[in-house]
N, C-alpha and C. Protein backbone atom coordinates (compact mmCIF):
# COMPACT_ATOMS: atom_id res chain seq x y z
N MET A 1 0.84 -1.19 0.00
CA MET A 1 0.00 0.00 0.00
C MET A 1 0.88 1.24 0.00
N THR A 2 0.55 2.20 -0.83
CA THR A 2 1.27 3.46 -0.81
C THR A 2 0.49 4.47 0.04
N GLY A 3 1.18 5.53 0.44
CA GLY A 3 0.56 6.52 1.31
C GLY A 3 -0.27 7.54 0.55
N TYR A 4 -0.79 8.49 1.30
CA TYR A 4 -1.56 9.57 0.72
C TYR A 4 -1.64 10.72 1.73
N LEU A 5 -2.08 11.89 1.26
CA LEU A 5 -2.11 13.10 2.07
C LEU A 5 -3.53 13.66 2.13
N THR A 6 -3.98 13.95 3.34
CA THR A 6 -5.28 14.59 3.54
C THR A 6 -5.09 15.81 4.44
N THR A 7 -6.11 16.66 4.45
CA THR A 7 -6.10 17.86 5.29
C THR A 7 -7.52 18.24 5.65
N HIS A 8 -7.65 19.05 6.66
CA HIS A 8 -8.93 19.70 6.94
C HIS A 8 -8.65 20.96 7.74
N VAL A 9 -9.66 21.83 7.81
CA VAL A 9 -9.51 23.11 8.49
C VAL A 9 -10.67 23.29 9.46
N LEU A 10 -10.31 23.63 10.70
CA LEU A 10 -11.31 23.91 11.73
C LEU A 10 -11.20 25.38 12.12
N ASP A 11 -12.33 26.04 12.20
CA ASP A 11 -12.41 27.44 12.62
C ASP A 11 -12.54 27.43 14.15
N THR A 12 -11.44 27.69 14.83
CA THR A 12 -11.45 27.61 16.30
C THR A 12 -12.14 28.80 16.94
N ALA A 13 -12.26 29.92 16.24
CA ALA A 13 -12.96 31.09 16.78
C ALA A 13 -14.47 30.85 16.82
N ARG A 14 -14.98 30.17 15.81
CA ARG A 14 -16.42 29.91 15.73
C ARG A 14 -16.78 28.50 16.19
N GLY A 15 -15.78 27.64 16.37
CA GLY A 15 -16.06 26.28 16.83
C GLY A 15 -16.75 25.42 15.80
N CYS A 16 -16.30 25.53 14.52
CA CYS A 16 -16.93 24.76 13.46
C CYS A 16 -15.93 24.50 12.35
N PRO A 17 -16.28 23.59 11.43
CA PRO A 17 -15.42 23.38 10.26
C PRO A 17 -15.36 24.65 9.41
N ALA A 18 -14.25 24.85 8.75
CA ALA A 18 -14.07 26.01 7.87
C ALA A 18 -14.42 25.61 6.44
N ALA A 19 -15.66 25.81 6.06
CA ALA A 19 -16.14 25.45 4.73
C ALA A 19 -15.80 26.55 3.73
N GLY A 20 -15.46 26.15 2.50
CA GLY A 20 -15.21 27.09 1.43
C GLY A 20 -13.83 27.72 1.43
N LEU A 21 -12.87 27.10 2.09
CA LEU A 21 -11.51 27.64 2.17
C LEU A 21 -10.65 27.03 1.07
N PRO A 22 -10.12 27.86 0.16
CA PRO A 22 -9.26 27.34 -0.91
C PRO A 22 -7.89 26.90 -0.39
N ILE A 23 -7.39 25.79 -0.93
CA ILE A 23 -6.10 25.23 -0.54
C ILE A 23 -5.34 24.85 -1.81
N THR A 24 -4.04 25.14 -1.82
CA THR A 24 -3.18 24.73 -2.92
C THR A 24 -2.05 23.89 -2.36
N LEU A 25 -1.73 22.79 -3.04
CA LEU A 25 -0.63 21.92 -2.65
C LEU A 25 0.50 22.05 -3.66
N TYR A 26 1.72 22.23 -3.14
CA TYR A 26 2.93 22.31 -3.97
C TYR A 26 3.92 21.24 -3.52
N ARG A 27 4.72 20.77 -4.44
CA ARG A 27 5.90 19.95 -4.14
C ARG A 27 7.10 20.84 -4.39
N LEU A 28 8.07 20.82 -3.49
CA LEU A 28 9.25 21.66 -3.63
C LEU A 28 10.41 20.84 -4.16
N GLN A 29 11.08 21.39 -5.15
CA GLN A 29 12.31 20.82 -5.69
C GLN A 29 13.33 21.94 -5.67
N GLY A 30 14.19 21.93 -4.66
CA GLY A 30 15.10 23.05 -4.46
C GLY A 30 14.28 24.28 -4.11
N GLU A 31 14.47 25.35 -4.86
CA GLU A 31 13.71 26.59 -4.65
C GLU A 31 12.47 26.67 -5.53
N THR A 32 12.20 25.63 -6.30
CA THR A 32 11.06 25.63 -7.22
C THR A 32 9.85 24.99 -6.57
N ARG A 33 8.69 25.66 -6.67
CA ARG A 33 7.42 25.09 -6.21
C ARG A 33 6.64 24.62 -7.42
N ILE A 34 6.20 23.37 -7.38
CA ILE A 34 5.42 22.78 -8.47
C ILE A 34 4.00 22.54 -7.96
N LYS A 35 3.02 23.21 -8.58
CA LYS A 35 1.64 23.07 -8.14
C LYS A 35 1.13 21.68 -8.49
N LEU A 36 0.59 21.00 -7.49
CA LEU A 36 0.06 19.65 -7.69
C LEU A 36 -1.47 19.60 -7.63
N ALA A 37 -2.07 20.46 -6.81
CA ALA A 37 -3.52 20.39 -6.63
C ALA A 37 -4.07 21.69 -6.08
N GLU A 38 -5.31 21.97 -6.42
CA GLU A 38 -6.07 23.06 -5.83
C GLU A 38 -7.43 22.50 -5.46
N MET A 39 -7.83 22.73 -4.23
CA MET A 39 -9.13 22.24 -3.76
C MET A 39 -9.73 23.26 -2.82
N THR A 40 -11.01 23.09 -2.53
CA THR A 40 -11.72 23.94 -1.58
C THR A 40 -12.38 23.03 -0.55
N THR A 41 -12.34 23.46 0.71
CA THR A 41 -12.93 22.63 1.76
C THR A 41 -14.45 22.57 1.62
N ASN A 42 -15.00 21.42 2.00
CA ASN A 42 -16.44 21.20 1.94
C ASN A 42 -17.08 21.62 3.28
N ALA A 43 -18.34 21.29 3.47
CA ALA A 43 -19.07 21.69 4.68
C ALA A 43 -18.45 21.12 5.96
N ASP A 44 -17.69 20.04 5.83
CA ASP A 44 -17.04 19.43 6.99
C ASP A 44 -15.62 19.98 7.18
N GLY A 45 -15.21 20.97 6.38
CA GLY A 45 -13.88 21.55 6.48
C GLY A 45 -12.79 20.67 5.87
N ARG A 46 -13.19 19.65 5.13
CA ARG A 46 -12.25 18.73 4.50
C ARG A 46 -12.32 18.86 2.98
N THR A 47 -11.35 18.32 2.30
CA THR A 47 -11.45 18.24 0.85
C THR A 47 -12.24 16.97 0.51
N ASP A 48 -12.88 16.96 -0.64
CA ASP A 48 -13.73 15.82 -1.01
C ASP A 48 -12.95 14.55 -1.30
N SER A 49 -11.66 14.69 -1.55
CA SER A 49 -10.78 13.54 -1.77
C SER A 49 -9.41 13.88 -1.21
N ALA A 50 -8.54 12.90 -1.20
CA ALA A 50 -7.17 13.16 -0.73
C ALA A 50 -6.56 14.26 -1.57
N ILE A 51 -5.90 15.21 -0.94
CA ILE A 51 -5.30 16.31 -1.70
C ILE A 51 -4.08 15.81 -2.47
N LEU A 52 -3.47 14.73 -2.01
CA LEU A 52 -2.43 14.03 -2.76
C LEU A 52 -2.80 12.55 -2.72
N PRO A 53 -3.37 12.03 -3.79
CA PRO A 53 -3.83 10.64 -3.80
C PRO A 53 -2.67 9.64 -3.82
N GLN A 54 -3.00 8.40 -3.53
CA GLN A 54 -2.00 7.33 -3.49
C GLN A 54 -1.20 7.25 -4.78
N SER A 55 -1.85 7.46 -5.91
CA SER A 55 -1.16 7.31 -7.19
C SER A 55 -0.06 8.36 -7.41
N ASP A 56 -0.15 9.51 -6.73
CA ASP A 56 0.84 10.58 -6.90
C ASP A 56 1.75 10.75 -5.68
N PHE A 57 1.64 9.88 -4.72
CA PHE A 57 2.32 10.03 -3.43
C PHE A 57 3.78 9.59 -3.52
N THR A 58 4.69 10.49 -3.21
CA THR A 58 6.11 10.17 -3.15
C THR A 58 6.75 10.96 -2.02
N PRO A 59 7.79 10.44 -1.39
CA PRO A 59 8.50 11.20 -0.36
C PRO A 59 9.05 12.51 -0.94
N GLY A 60 9.15 13.51 -0.11
CA GLY A 60 9.68 14.80 -0.53
C GLY A 60 9.21 15.92 0.38
N ILE A 61 9.48 17.15 -0.05
CA ILE A 61 9.08 18.34 0.69
C ILE A 61 7.85 18.93 -0.01
N TYR A 62 6.83 19.23 0.77
CA TYR A 62 5.57 19.74 0.25
C TYR A 62 5.18 21.01 0.99
N GLU A 63 4.26 21.75 0.40
CA GLU A 63 3.73 22.95 1.03
C GLU A 63 2.25 23.05 0.73
N LEU A 64 1.45 23.13 1.77
CA LEU A 64 0.03 23.44 1.65
C LEU A 64 -0.12 24.93 1.91
N VAL A 65 -0.83 25.62 1.03
CA VAL A 65 -1.10 27.04 1.24
C VAL A 65 -2.61 27.20 1.41
N PHE A 66 -3.00 27.59 2.60
CA PHE A 66 -4.40 27.78 2.95
C PHE A 66 -4.75 29.25 2.76
N GLN A 67 -5.77 29.54 1.97
CA GLN A 67 -6.19 30.92 1.71
C GLN A 67 -7.12 31.37 2.83
N ALA A 68 -6.53 31.57 3.99
CA ALA A 68 -7.29 31.93 5.19
C ALA A 68 -8.03 33.25 5.02
N GLY A 69 -7.40 34.22 4.35
CA GLY A 69 -8.04 35.52 4.16
C GLY A 69 -9.35 35.43 3.42
N ALA A 70 -9.40 34.63 2.37
CA ALA A 70 -10.64 34.46 1.61
C ALA A 70 -11.74 33.89 2.51
N TYR A 71 -11.39 32.90 3.33
CA TYR A 71 -12.36 32.31 4.25
C TYR A 71 -12.79 33.32 5.32
N LEU A 72 -11.83 34.02 5.92
CA LEU A 72 -12.16 34.98 6.98
C LEU A 72 -13.03 36.11 6.46
N ARG A 73 -12.78 36.57 5.24
CA ARG A 73 -13.64 37.60 4.64
C ARG A 73 -15.05 37.06 4.43
N ALA A 74 -15.15 35.86 3.86
CA ALA A 74 -16.47 35.27 3.57
C ALA A 74 -17.27 34.98 4.83
N SER A 75 -16.58 34.69 5.94
CA SER A 75 -17.27 34.36 7.19
C SER A 75 -17.47 35.59 8.09
N GLY A 76 -17.08 36.78 7.61
CA GLY A 76 -17.28 38.00 8.37
C GLY A 76 -16.30 38.21 9.52
N GLN A 77 -15.17 37.52 9.49
CA GLN A 77 -14.20 37.61 10.58
C GLN A 77 -12.93 38.37 10.20
N ALA A 78 -12.90 38.97 9.03
CA ALA A 78 -11.66 39.51 8.50
C ALA A 78 -11.12 40.72 9.24
N GLY A 79 -11.95 41.64 9.61
CA GLY A 79 -11.46 42.87 10.18
C GLY A 79 -10.91 43.78 9.09
N SER A 80 -10.05 44.70 9.47
CA SER A 80 -9.51 45.70 8.55
C SER A 80 -8.37 45.15 7.71
N ASP A 81 -8.22 45.70 6.50
CA ASP A 81 -7.08 45.38 5.64
C ASP A 81 -5.88 46.18 6.09
N PRO A 82 -4.69 45.68 6.02
CA PRO A 82 -4.39 44.31 5.62
C PRO A 82 -4.72 43.34 6.75
N LEU A 83 -5.12 42.14 6.36
CA LEU A 83 -5.46 41.11 7.33
C LEU A 83 -4.21 40.66 8.09
N PHE A 84 -4.40 40.27 9.32
CA PHE A 84 -3.29 39.70 10.07
C PHE A 84 -2.86 38.38 9.44
N LEU A 85 -3.83 37.52 9.08
CA LEU A 85 -3.55 36.26 8.38
C LEU A 85 -4.25 36.29 7.03
N ASP A 86 -3.50 36.00 5.99
CA ASP A 86 -4.09 35.91 4.67
C ASP A 86 -3.77 34.53 4.10
N ALA A 87 -2.66 34.36 3.44
CA ALA A 87 -2.24 33.03 3.00
C ALA A 87 -1.41 32.39 4.12
N VAL A 88 -1.75 31.16 4.48
CA VAL A 88 -1.04 30.44 5.54
C VAL A 88 -0.32 29.25 4.90
N PRO A 89 1.01 29.35 4.73
CA PRO A 89 1.76 28.22 4.16
C PRO A 89 2.26 27.28 5.25
N ILE A 90 2.12 26.00 5.01
CA ILE A 90 2.66 24.99 5.93
C ILE A 90 3.55 24.08 5.10
N ARG A 91 4.85 24.13 5.39
CA ARG A 91 5.84 23.33 4.66
C ARG A 91 6.19 22.13 5.54
N PHE A 92 6.21 20.95 4.94
CA PHE A 92 6.43 19.72 5.71
C PHE A 92 7.08 18.68 4.81
N GLY A 93 7.66 17.68 5.43
CA GLY A 93 8.29 16.59 4.70
C GLY A 93 7.51 15.30 4.81
N ILE A 94 7.52 14.56 3.74
CA ILE A 94 6.94 13.21 3.71
C ILE A 94 8.11 12.25 3.48
N SER A 95 8.34 11.37 4.45
CA SER A 95 9.47 10.46 4.36
C SER A 95 9.06 9.00 4.20
N ASP A 96 7.84 8.67 4.59
CA ASP A 96 7.37 7.28 4.56
C ASP A 96 6.37 7.11 3.43
N ALA A 97 6.78 6.47 2.35
CA ALA A 97 5.94 6.33 1.17
C ALA A 97 4.72 5.45 1.39
N ALA A 98 4.66 4.75 2.50
CA ALA A 98 3.53 3.86 2.77
C ALA A 98 2.56 4.43 3.81
N ALA A 99 2.83 5.63 4.33
CA ALA A 99 2.04 6.18 5.43
C ALA A 99 0.96 7.13 4.94
N HIS A 100 -0.06 7.28 5.76
CA HIS A 100 -1.08 8.31 5.56
C HIS A 100 -0.61 9.54 6.32
N TYR A 101 -0.47 10.66 5.64
CA TYR A 101 -0.14 11.93 6.27
C TYR A 101 -1.39 12.80 6.30
N HIS A 102 -1.71 13.32 7.47
CA HIS A 102 -2.86 14.20 7.62
C HIS A 102 -2.36 15.49 8.25
N VAL A 103 -2.54 16.62 7.55
CA VAL A 103 -2.03 17.92 8.01
C VAL A 103 -3.21 18.87 8.17
N PRO A 104 -3.79 18.95 9.37
CA PRO A 104 -4.91 19.84 9.59
C PRO A 104 -4.45 21.26 9.95
N LEU A 105 -5.36 22.21 9.80
CA LEU A 105 -5.12 23.59 10.19
C LEU A 105 -6.22 24.00 11.16
N LEU A 106 -5.82 24.48 12.33
CA LEU A 106 -6.75 25.06 13.30
C LEU A 106 -6.60 26.57 13.15
N LEU A 107 -7.66 27.25 12.77
CA LEU A 107 -7.58 28.64 12.33
C LEU A 107 -8.49 29.56 13.12
N SER A 108 -7.98 30.75 13.42
CA SER A 108 -8.78 31.86 13.92
C SER A 108 -8.26 33.12 13.22
N PRO A 109 -8.92 34.25 13.35
CA PRO A 109 -8.46 35.45 12.65
C PRO A 109 -7.05 35.91 13.04
N PHE A 110 -6.59 35.54 14.23
CA PHE A 110 -5.30 36.04 14.71
C PHE A 110 -4.32 34.95 15.09
N GLY A 111 -4.56 33.73 14.68
CA GLY A 111 -3.63 32.66 14.99
C GLY A 111 -4.02 31.36 14.32
N TYR A 112 -3.05 30.45 14.27
CA TYR A 112 -3.31 29.13 13.71
C TYR A 112 -2.31 28.15 14.30
N SER A 113 -2.64 26.87 14.20
CA SER A 113 -1.71 25.82 14.57
C SER A 113 -1.96 24.62 13.66
N THR A 114 -0.99 23.74 13.65
CA THR A 114 -1.08 22.52 12.84
C THR A 114 -0.36 21.41 13.57
N TYR A 115 -0.51 20.20 13.09
CA TYR A 115 0.15 19.03 13.64
C TYR A 115 0.03 17.91 12.64
N ARG A 116 0.75 16.84 12.86
CA ARG A 116 0.56 15.66 12.00
C ARG A 116 -0.55 14.82 12.64
N GLY A 117 -1.66 14.78 11.99
CA GLY A 117 -2.80 14.03 12.49
C GLY A 117 -2.82 12.61 12.00
N SER A 118 -3.95 11.97 12.21
CA SER A 118 -4.08 10.56 11.81
C SER A 118 -5.26 10.39 10.88
């Protein structure tokens, strides 16, 4: 079995999934970013499928860019421009080609956190 990558976003300020948040996945090769996928979170704050499916899964350095500003504006939480958080990049490594990697984002207008989930 080969691995795969999933993500989801929770709005910790409102205590609910962050629906409608655009996410882009890149693979890094040196200083070059190669776009692999663009998705938007569903009503459960997740993407409808793995953001990096088993067929495309390989070890390497990746970056998820969460368009937090677009979500915060749409949900009425943005405040004044410029936003404190707009694009939130999370760069991480995948070393185990057979593992499931889950990289969630816990988001509020003024902070965020992430971890390797299950």
